[in-house]
Protein backbone atom coordinates (compact mmCIF):
# COMPACT_ATOMS: atom_id res chain seq x y z
CA MET A 1 47.79 41.90 -22.18
CA THR A 2 44.48 42.99 -23.70
CA ASP A 3 41.19 43.13 -21.83
CA GLU A 4 39.92 40.26 -23.97
CA ALA A 5 42.86 38.07 -22.96
CA ALA A 6 42.44 38.92 -19.28
CA THR A 7 38.73 38.11 -19.22
CA PRO A 8 37.89 34.45 -18.53
CA PRO A 9 35.63 32.73 -21.06
CA PRO A 10 31.96 33.19 -20.13
CA ASP A 11 31.44 29.53 -19.21
CA ARG A 12 34.42 29.55 -16.84
CA ALA A 13 33.48 32.92 -15.34
CA ALA A 14 30.08 31.52 -14.40
CA GLU A 15 31.50 28.53 -12.51
CA PRO A 16 31.02 28.66 -8.72
CA PRO A 17 34.17 28.87 -6.61
CA PRO A 18 35.47 25.53 -5.31
CA PRO A 19 34.47 24.67 -1.72
CA ARG A 20 36.84 25.78 0.99
CA GLN A 21 39.12 23.12 2.45
CA ALA A 22 40.50 22.94 5.98
CA VAL A 23 44.12 23.96 6.44
CA ILE A 24 46.02 21.10 8.07
CA SER A 25 48.21 22.09 11.00
CA GLY A 26 50.13 20.36 13.75
CA SER A 27 47.02 20.42 15.93
CA THR A 28 44.58 19.07 13.32
CA ARG A 29 42.19 16.40 14.59
CA LEU A 30 41.79 13.40 12.29
CA TYR A 31 38.84 11.37 11.06
CA ALA A 32 39.01 8.50 8.58
CA VAL A 33 36.40 6.81 6.40
CA LEU A 34 37.08 3.12 5.78
CA GLY A 35 35.89 1.20 2.73
CA ASP A 36 36.78 -1.22 -0.05
CA PRO A 37 36.47 0.42 -2.50
CA VAL A 38 36.55 3.90 -1.04
CA ALA A 39 36.72 6.14 -4.13
CA GLN A 40 32.93 6.49 -4.20
CA VAL A 41 32.55 7.98 -0.70
CA GLN A 42 30.97 11.42 -0.54
CA SER A 43 31.54 12.25 3.14
CA PRO A 44 34.98 13.95 2.73
CA GLY A 45 33.51 16.32 0.15
CA LEU A 46 30.66 17.13 2.53
CA LEU A 47 32.49 17.39 5.85
CA ASN A 48 35.85 18.94 4.95
CA PRO A 49 34.30 22.14 3.49
CA LEU A 50 32.09 22.26 6.59
CA PHE A 51 35.15 22.03 8.84
CA ALA A 52 36.73 24.91 6.89
CA ASP A 53 33.59 27.07 7.02
CA GLN A 54 33.16 26.49 10.76
CA GLY A 55 36.82 27.00 11.61
CA VAL A 56 37.18 23.43 12.90
CA ASP A 57 40.79 22.23 12.83
CA ALA A 58 39.95 18.75 11.55
CA VAL A 59 40.10 16.72 8.36
CA LEU A 60 38.35 13.58 7.11
CA VAL A 61 40.45 11.34 4.86
CA PRO A 62 39.53 8.19 2.88
CA VAL A 63 41.28 4.94 3.80
CA GLU A 64 40.95 1.91 1.53
CA ALA A 65 41.21 -1.28 3.59
CA ARG A 66 40.66 -4.81 2.36
CA PRO A 67 38.45 -7.02 4.54
CA ASP A 68 41.37 -9.25 5.54
CA ASP A 69 43.30 -6.18 6.70
CA LEU A 70 40.47 -4.34 8.41
CA GLU A 71 41.19 -5.27 12.01
CA ARG A 72 44.88 -4.38 11.69
CA VAL A 73 44.00 -1.07 10.02
CA VAL A 74 41.39 -0.17 12.64
CA ARG A 75 43.62 -1.10 15.57
CA GLY A 76 46.44 0.94 14.09
CA LEU A 77 44.25 3.96 13.52
CA GLN A 78 42.85 3.72 17.03
CA ARG A 79 46.39 4.12 18.37
CA ILE A 80 46.74 7.52 16.68
CA ALA A 81 46.30 9.96 19.55
CA ASN A 82 44.76 12.77 17.50
CA LEU A 83 42.27 10.54 15.66
CA ASP A 84 38.79 11.17 17.08
CA GLY A 85 36.55 9.00 14.93
CA LEU A 86 36.02 6.53 12.12
CA PHE A 87 33.37 6.45 9.44
CA VAL A 88 32.67 3.07 7.87
CA THR A 89 31.26 2.10 4.49
CA VAL A 90 30.93 -1.10 2.43
CA PRO A 91 31.83 -3.84 3.12
CA HIS A 92 33.04 -3.22 6.68
CA LYS A 93 29.98 -2.23 8.73
CA ALA A 94 29.39 -5.57 10.45
CA ALA A 95 33.09 -6.08 11.16
CA ALA A 96 33.43 -2.53 12.50
CA ALA A 97 30.63 -3.14 15.00
CA ARG A 98 32.54 -6.12 16.38
CA LEU A 99 35.71 -4.03 16.73
CA ALA A 100 34.05 -1.47 19.05
CA ASP A 101 34.22 -1.62 22.84
CA ARG A 102 30.65 -0.34 23.25
CA ARG A 103 27.60 -0.43 20.96
CA SER A 104 24.44 1.64 20.79
CA ARG A 105 21.00 0.01 20.87
CA THR A 106 20.75 0.43 17.10
CA VAL A 107 24.06 -1.37 16.59
CA GLU A 108 22.99 -4.17 18.93
CA ILE A 109 19.79 -4.67 16.88
CA THR A 110 21.33 -4.39 13.43
CA GLY A 111 24.76 -5.87 14.10
CA THR A 112 26.36 -3.11 12.01
CA ALA A 113 27.99 0.30 12.54
CA ASN A 114 28.88 3.21 10.29
CA VAL A 115 30.70 5.40 12.84
CA LEU A 116 33.02 4.79 15.79
CA ARG A 117 33.90 7.48 18.34
CA ARG A 118 36.76 7.63 20.81
CA GLU A 119 35.30 8.14 24.30
CA ALA A 120 36.90 10.10 27.12
CA ASP A 121 38.16 6.88 28.72
CA GLY A 122 39.76 5.74 25.46
CA GLN A 123 37.08 3.16 24.66
CA TRP A 124 35.40 3.15 21.25
CA LEU A 125 31.62 3.52 20.86
CA ALA A 126 29.87 2.24 17.70
CA GLU A 127 26.72 3.82 16.26
CA ASN A 128 24.83 3.49 12.99
CA PHE A 129 23.07 6.46 11.40
CA ASP A 130 22.38 4.88 8.01
CA GLY A 131 18.80 4.07 8.92
CA SER A 132 17.92 7.33 10.63
CA GLY A 133 19.59 9.26 7.78
CA PHE A 134 17.66 7.31 5.17
CA VAL A 135 14.35 7.90 6.95
CA ALA A 136 15.15 11.59 7.44
CA GLY A 137 15.90 11.90 3.73
CA LEU A 138 12.59 10.27 2.80
CA ALA A 139 10.70 12.56 5.17
CA ARG A 140 12.37 15.68 3.79
CA ALA A 141 11.40 14.57 0.28
CA GLY A 142 7.77 14.27 1.38
CA HIS A 143 7.49 10.48 1.39
CA ARG A 144 5.18 9.10 4.10
CA LEU A 145 6.24 5.90 5.86
CA VAL A 146 3.42 5.13 8.28
CA GLY A 147 1.45 2.17 6.98
CA ARG A 148 3.70 1.65 3.96
CA ARG A 149 4.58 -1.78 2.56
CA VAL A 150 8.34 -1.95 1.92
CA ALA A 151 10.46 -4.28 -0.20
CA LEU A 152 14.08 -4.02 0.95
CA ALA A 153 16.90 -5.60 -1.07
CA GLY A 154 20.02 -6.04 1.05
CA ALA A 155 20.50 -7.21 4.65
CA GLY A 156 24.05 -5.94 5.03
CA GLY A 157 25.51 -2.94 6.83
CA ALA A 158 23.22 -0.25 5.48
CA GLY A 159 20.24 -2.53 4.83
CA SER A 160 20.07 -3.72 8.42
CA ALA A 161 20.00 -0.16 9.76
CA ILE A 162 17.48 0.96 7.15
CA ALA A 163 15.21 -1.98 7.98
CA ALA A 164 15.15 -1.09 11.68
CA ALA A 165 14.60 2.61 11.01
CA LEU A 166 11.73 1.99 8.57
CA LEU A 167 9.97 -0.25 11.07
CA ALA A 168 10.54 2.26 13.87
CA ALA A 169 9.09 4.99 11.62
CA GLY A 170 5.85 3.06 11.17
CA ALA A 171 6.21 0.92 8.05
CA ASP A 172 3.39 -1.60 8.21
CA ARG A 173 5.27 -4.48 6.61
CA LEU A 174 8.86 -4.96 5.53
CA THR A 175 10.09 -7.81 3.33
CA LEU A 176 13.80 -8.60 3.28
CA THR A 177 15.66 -10.18 0.39
CA ASP A 178 19.35 -11.03 0.23
CA PRO A 179 21.27 -13.83 -1.52
CA ASP A 180 23.15 -14.46 1.74
CA LEU A 181 20.35 -16.41 3.41
CA PRO A 182 21.98 -16.88 6.83
CA LYS A 183 22.68 -13.12 7.06
CA ARG A 184 19.13 -12.32 5.95
CA ASP A 185 17.56 -14.72 8.42
CA GLN A 186 19.74 -13.57 11.33
CA LEU A 187 18.66 -9.99 10.69
CA LEU A 188 15.04 -11.11 10.42
CA ASP A 189 15.26 -12.78 13.83
CA ARG A 190 16.76 -9.67 15.46
CA LEU A 191 14.15 -7.36 13.94
CA ALA A 192 11.25 -9.67 14.81
CA VAL A 193 12.09 -9.38 18.50
CA HIS A 194 11.31 -5.65 18.37
CA TRP A 195 8.66 -5.55 15.61
CA PRO A 196 6.88 -8.92 15.69
CA GLY A 197 4.56 -9.68 12.79
CA ARG A 198 5.77 -6.77 10.66
CA VAL A 199 8.90 -8.19 9.04
CA ARG A 200 9.41 -11.25 6.87
CA ALA A 201 11.97 -12.72 4.46
CA ALA A 202 11.43 -13.77 0.86
CA ALA A 203 13.42 -15.18 -2.04
CA GLU A 204 12.24 -12.32 -4.28
CA PRO A 205 10.89 -8.88 -3.32
CA PRO A 206 7.06 -8.73 -3.46
CA LEU A 207 7.08 -5.75 -5.82
CA PRO A 208 3.45 -5.82 -7.05
CA GLU A 209 2.25 -5.32 -3.46
CA SER A 210 4.87 -2.81 -2.28
CA ASP A 211 4.60 0.97 -1.88
CA LEU A 212 8.34 1.54 -1.43
CA ALA A 213 11.20 -0.52 -2.91
CA VAL A 214 14.72 0.10 -1.61
CA ASN A 215 18.06 -1.01 -2.99
CA ALA A 216 20.40 -1.30 -0.01
CA THR A 217 22.98 -3.35 -1.91
CA PRO A 218 26.10 -2.14 -3.78
CA LEU A 219 24.49 -3.11 -7.10
CA GLY A 220 24.62 -0.08 -9.38
CA MET A 221 28.06 1.16 -8.40
CA ARG A 222 29.50 -0.46 -11.54
CA PRO A 223 27.96 -0.19 -15.02
CA THR A 224 28.03 -3.98 -15.45
CA ASP A 225 25.99 -4.68 -12.29
CA PRO A 226 22.59 -6.30 -12.73
CA LEU A 227 19.52 -4.55 -11.35
CA PRO A 228 18.66 -5.49 -7.76
CA PHE A 229 15.01 -5.84 -8.82
CA PRO A 230 12.84 -4.91 -11.85
CA PRO A 231 11.05 -1.65 -10.92
CA GLU A 232 8.46 -2.13 -13.68
CA LEU A 233 6.71 -4.68 -11.43
CA LEU A 234 5.83 -2.07 -8.82
CA PRO A 235 2.30 -0.62 -8.73
CA PRO A 236 1.62 2.95 -9.92
CA GLY A 237 2.62 5.59 -7.38
CA ALA A 238 5.36 3.48 -5.80
CA VAL A 239 8.67 5.03 -4.71
CA VAL A 240 12.03 3.51 -5.68
CA ALA A 241 14.98 4.43 -3.47
CA ASP A 242 18.64 3.61 -4.05
CA ILE A 243 21.39 4.10 -1.47
CA VAL A 244 24.16 4.05 -4.11
CA MET A 245 25.54 7.59 -4.26
CA LYS A 246 27.93 7.35 -7.19
CA PRO A 247 26.64 7.39 -9.86
CA ARG A 248 23.75 9.56 -8.75
CA GLU A 249 21.45 8.29 -11.50
CA THR A 250 21.85 4.55 -11.08
CA PRO A 251 20.47 2.14 -13.70
CA LEU A 252 17.75 1.21 -11.20
CA LEU A 253 16.61 4.80 -10.78
CA ARG A 254 16.69 5.46 -14.51
CA ARG A 255 14.56 2.40 -15.17
CA ALA A 256 12.18 3.32 -12.35
CA ALA A 257 11.75 6.88 -13.65
CA ALA A 258 11.13 5.56 -17.16
CA ALA A 259 8.40 3.34 -15.70
CA GLY A 260 6.74 6.39 -14.14
CA HIS A 261 7.77 5.82 -10.53
CA GLN A 262 9.01 8.42 -8.06
CA VAL A 263 12.75 8.03 -7.40
CA HIS A 264 14.82 8.82 -4.33
CA HIS A 265 18.60 9.27 -4.67
CA GLY A 266 21.33 7.89 -2.45
CA SER A 267 22.68 11.32 -1.56
CA HIS A 268 19.60 11.96 0.57
CA MET A 269 20.76 9.33 3.06
CA LEU A 270 24.11 11.07 3.59
CA THR A 271 22.66 14.56 3.98
CA GLY A 272 20.03 13.11 6.31
CA GLN A 273 22.83 11.86 8.56
CA LEU A 274 24.84 15.08 8.68
CA GLU A 275 23.28 16.55 11.84
CA SER A 276 23.53 13.18 13.60
CA TYR A 277 27.22 12.89 12.70
CA LEU A 278 27.98 16.35 14.01
CA THR A 279 26.11 15.77 17.26
CA PHE A 280 27.74 12.38 17.76
CA PHE A 281 31.24 13.82 17.36
CA GLY A 282 30.52 17.07 19.24
CA LEU A 283 31.10 19.22 16.17
CA PRO A 284 29.32 22.52 15.37
CA ALA A 285 26.27 22.47 13.12
CA PRO A 286 26.46 24.28 9.76
CA ALA A 287 25.60 27.97 9.79
CA THR A 288 22.14 28.82 8.48
CA GLY A 289 20.81 31.87 6.76
């Protein structure tokens, strides 16, 4: 074999090595992420290489569960002795909160959960880091929240947690929109108990008077989805955030960038939650330096 044949093409030689993956053994601890669909989830690609790098004998696997099957799936998984936790994505976050034995204050306010942890006594504790992760991502990107006027589309699993976190971080006014009016109004009532006078509901987002507009709906996951709102109506200098992670450049963000607005990608919410996830599950933080 000649040297030329043994040398990879330049474009392939420049590719970074694939991330390390945990080696599954008989003592591997299990985590599952539940969704419908589940192909879009990014957490296995983030956490499994971290487990490998940190020498943690654990693996996170995707589990697609239809809403009608969710309780049976969760109860079955909870009976697996070496399963330590569940991650939850659309559309199961409200149902998952109801399936927990204990709920954090955030879960009690929002009515939704995105993680469940097996406690030492075998009970399951629900928590929701969507909101804190979203706010952490905004802060790391340099976006100020104190005094901001927010238009939030979506009062579901992620939207409810994001609403509470934005208000806790100092947003001056938050307007909720969601086509499911009972769900929207129930969330409004829960939030108003803790942040009276700072949250309201509307049929359409008040874009011309908003500093930050957030899509907390699944719209944008499919190319045929309509936009959750028209970003062109926002004032100059406004920020448009989308929690959809795949595709990274959603139609909403492309339109917002074309209109001259700052955009904030969905991946920031996941990376903003990473430290919280690791602390919650008692796992080591990633090495630095």
